[in-house]
Amino acid sequence: MQLDNLIEKFQEKDNAAFETLYNMYAENICGVINVIVKDTERSQEICQDVFVKIWEKSDQYDTSKGRFFTWILNIARNAAIDEVRSKTHKNQKKNLPVDSLVDIYENGEDLNGRMDTIGLHSLLKGLKEKCILLIDMLYFKGYTQKEAAKELDTPVGTIKTRIRSCISNIRKNMA
């Protein structure tokens, strides 16, 4: 079944279409959420919530505004960032045992190590280091533009301009 037909059936609340889309995308969506949340169990819960949300709001997907996967990815990313910014999450991270800090340090990853797992390596090829850093901060670490500007000691307007330029370059790489 073609993706467009599958999405159409999904929007008509077809359970089989939903199940097929879930099987197609859940692993990647959970992976992206886990990159931000850094808690596999919580990431899977958020992933389930994301799929419930897209089921409930399936009529809001508009093909003219972008690909279906991108729509789900944006919802998932926002949900993960909301989780990271929540008081509950922050309090849990304050109470990490020392052993887990050692594990975090020993298993530390940067964006370059994660790109292959979510299929972005080819899209980011040829981008400047500043672009990769900004994408990592804003899309994978959950920074706001204001927080990234403060961290990089750069005006917010410059951050906004750079990220627009970076995304434009990624779109060119997709073509």
Protein backbone atom coordinates (compact mmCIF):
# COMPACT_ATOMS: atom_id res chain seq x y z
CA MET A 1 0.00 0.00 0.00
CA GLN A 2 1.37 3.42 -0.91
CA LEU A 3 2.13 5.82 1.90
CA ASP A 4 -0.39 8.43 0.70
CA ASN A 5 -3.21 5.86 0.71
CA LEU A 6 -2.09 4.58 4.11
CA ILE A 7 -2.15 8.10 5.55
CA GLU A 8 -5.55 8.74 4.03
CA LYS A 9 -6.94 5.59 5.68
CA PHE A 10 -5.24 6.59 8.94
CA GLN A 11 -7.00 9.95 8.80
CA GLU A 12 -10.27 8.08 8.31
CA LYS A 13 -9.48 6.29 11.62
CA ASP A 14 -8.63 2.92 10.06
CA ASN A 15 -7.05 0.79 12.82
CA ALA A 16 -5.03 -1.33 10.39
CA ALA A 17 -3.51 1.78 8.81
CA PHE A 18 -2.62 3.12 12.24
CA GLU A 19 -0.97 -0.17 13.16
CA THR A 20 1.03 -0.19 9.94
CA LEU A 21 2.19 3.40 10.45
CA TYR A 22 3.06 2.64 14.05
CA ASN A 23 5.17 -0.33 12.97
CA MET A 24 6.87 1.82 10.33
CA TYR A 25 7.76 4.76 12.57
CA ALA A 26 7.63 3.88 16.28
CA GLU A 27 11.22 2.68 16.60
CA ASN A 28 12.64 5.85 15.03
CA ILE A 29 10.30 8.13 16.96
CA CYS A 30 11.17 6.43 20.26
CA GLY A 31 14.86 6.76 19.37
CA VAL A 32 14.59 10.49 18.75
CA ILE A 33 12.67 10.97 22.00
CA ASN A 34 15.29 8.96 23.89
CA VAL A 35 18.08 11.14 22.50
CA ILE A 36 16.41 14.11 24.20
CA VAL A 37 15.00 12.49 27.36
CA LYS A 38 17.85 10.01 27.95
CA ASP A 39 15.56 7.52 29.69
CA THR A 40 14.51 4.52 27.61
CA GLU A 41 11.46 3.60 29.66
CA ARG A 42 10.15 7.16 29.81
CA SER A 43 10.90 7.60 26.10
CA GLN A 44 8.71 4.62 25.25
CA GLU A 45 5.88 6.07 27.34
CA ILE A 46 6.19 9.42 25.59
CA CYS A 47 6.29 7.62 22.23
CA GLN A 48 3.00 5.89 23.05
CA ASP A 49 1.52 9.26 24.03
CA VAL A 50 2.71 10.75 20.73
CA PHE A 51 0.97 8.03 18.73
CA VAL A 52 -2.23 8.50 20.73
CA LYS A 53 -1.98 12.22 20.04
CA ILE A 54 -1.49 11.79 16.28
CA TRP A 55 -4.43 9.38 16.22
CA GLU A 56 -6.63 11.94 17.94
CA LYS A 57 -5.38 14.81 15.75
CA SER A 58 -4.99 12.90 12.49
CA ASP A 59 -7.22 15.41 10.72
CA GLN A 60 -4.66 18.16 11.43
CA TYR A 61 -2.01 16.61 9.19
CA ASP A 62 -1.74 18.56 5.94
CA THR A 63 0.29 17.03 3.09
CA SER A 64 1.03 20.46 1.64
CA LYS A 65 2.94 21.47 4.78
CA GLY A 66 5.41 18.59 4.82
CA ARG A 67 5.99 14.88 5.04
CA PHE A 68 4.01 12.71 7.45
CA PHE A 69 7.13 11.48 9.26
CA THR A 70 8.24 15.09 9.80
CA TRP A 71 4.84 15.91 11.29
CA ILE A 72 5.11 13.02 13.76
CA LEU A 73 8.75 13.87 14.47
CA ASN A 74 7.87 17.47 15.39
CA ILE A 75 5.12 16.31 17.74
CA ALA A 76 7.52 13.80 19.32
CA ARG A 77 10.32 16.34 19.66
CA ASN A 78 7.99 18.84 21.32
CA ALA A 79 6.70 16.16 23.71
CA ALA A 80 10.27 15.17 24.62
CA ILE A 81 11.29 18.78 25.21
CA ASP A 82 8.18 19.33 27.35
CA GLU A 83 9.23 16.29 29.39
CA VAL A 84 12.80 17.55 29.84
CA ARG A 85 11.52 20.95 30.95
CA SER A 86 9.00 19.47 33.39
CA LYS A 87 9.62 19.77 37.13
CA THR A 88 9.24 16.02 37.59
CA HIS A 89 11.99 15.29 35.07
CA LYS A 90 14.31 17.91 36.54
CA ASN A 91 13.77 16.57 40.06
CA GLN A 92 14.45 12.99 38.92
CA LYS A 93 17.71 14.09 37.29
CA LYS A 94 18.80 15.87 40.49
CA ASN A 95 18.49 12.61 42.38
CA LEU A 96 20.59 10.41 40.08
CA PRO A 97 22.80 7.93 41.90
CA VAL A 98 26.56 8.28 41.42
CA ASP A 99 26.70 5.01 39.43
CA SER A 100 24.42 6.41 36.75
CA LEU A 101 26.61 9.50 36.39
CA VAL A 102 29.57 7.23 35.65
CA ASP A 103 27.46 5.40 33.05
CA ILE A 104 26.40 8.68 31.46
CA TYR A 105 30.01 9.79 31.23
CA GLU A 106 31.29 6.46 29.88
CA ASN A 107 28.47 6.15 27.33
CA GLY A 108 28.52 9.82 26.33
CA GLU A 109 27.55 10.43 22.72
CA ASP A 110 27.71 13.44 20.51
CA LEU A 111 25.53 14.24 17.53
CA ASN A 112 27.97 12.64 15.09
CA GLY A 113 27.67 9.32 16.93
CA ARG A 114 23.88 9.40 16.79
CA MET A 115 23.31 10.58 13.25
CA ASP A 116 23.51 7.18 11.59
CA THR A 117 20.93 5.68 13.92
CA ILE A 118 18.26 8.15 12.90
CA GLY A 119 19.26 8.60 9.26
CA LEU A 120 20.51 12.18 9.35
CA HIS A 121 24.13 11.59 8.44
CA SER A 122 23.59 12.16 4.71
CA LEU A 123 21.45 15.24 5.33
CA LEU A 124 24.06 16.91 7.53
CA LYS A 125 26.96 16.07 5.25
CA GLY A 126 28.72 19.22 4.14
CA LEU A 127 27.17 21.48 6.78
CA LYS A 128 29.40 23.82 8.73
CA GLU A 129 30.33 22.84 12.27
CA LYS A 130 28.23 25.78 13.57
CA CYS A 131 25.15 24.29 11.88
CA ILE A 132 25.72 20.85 13.32
CA LEU A 133 26.24 22.33 16.79
CA LEU A 134 23.05 24.41 16.54
CA ILE A 135 20.98 21.49 15.26
CA ASP A 136 22.33 19.33 18.07
CA MET A 137 21.48 21.95 20.71
CA LEU A 138 18.06 22.97 19.40
CA TYR A 139 16.69 19.68 18.09
CA PHE A 140 18.41 16.98 20.10
CA LYS A 141 19.29 18.57 23.43
CA GLY A 142 16.11 20.62 23.78
CA TYR A 143 17.67 24.07 24.05
CA THR A 144 15.54 27.06 23.21
CA GLN A 145 17.00 29.62 20.80
CA LYS A 146 17.50 31.95 23.75
CA GLU A 147 19.31 29.28 25.78
CA ALA A 148 21.53 28.39 22.81
CA ALA A 149 22.36 32.07 22.32
CA LYS A 150 23.37 32.40 25.96
CA GLU A 151 25.41 29.17 25.88
CA LEU A 152 27.22 30.22 22.68
CA ASP A 153 27.50 33.87 23.73
CA THR A 154 25.79 34.88 20.49
CA PRO A 155 22.83 37.23 19.90
CA VAL A 156 19.45 35.48 19.59
CA GLY A 157 18.89 37.05 16.18
CA THR A 158 22.12 35.50 14.93
CA ILE A 159 21.05 32.09 16.23
CA LYS A 160 17.70 32.43 14.44
CA THR A 161 19.36 33.45 11.18
CA ARG A 162 21.92 30.64 11.38
CA ILE A 163 19.36 27.93 12.10
CA ARG A 164 17.19 29.14 9.18
CA SER A 165 20.24 28.98 6.94
CA CYS A 166 21.19 25.53 8.26
CA ILE A 167 17.69 24.16 7.67
CA SER A 168 17.71 25.66 4.18
CA ASN A 169 20.99 23.84 3.47
CA ILE A 170 19.51 20.58 4.77
CA ARG A 171 16.55 21.01 2.43
CA LYS A 172 18.99 21.48 -0.47
CA ASN A 173 20.77 18.26 0.57
CA MET A 174 17.40 16.44 0.44
CA ALA A 175 16.74 17.50 -3.14
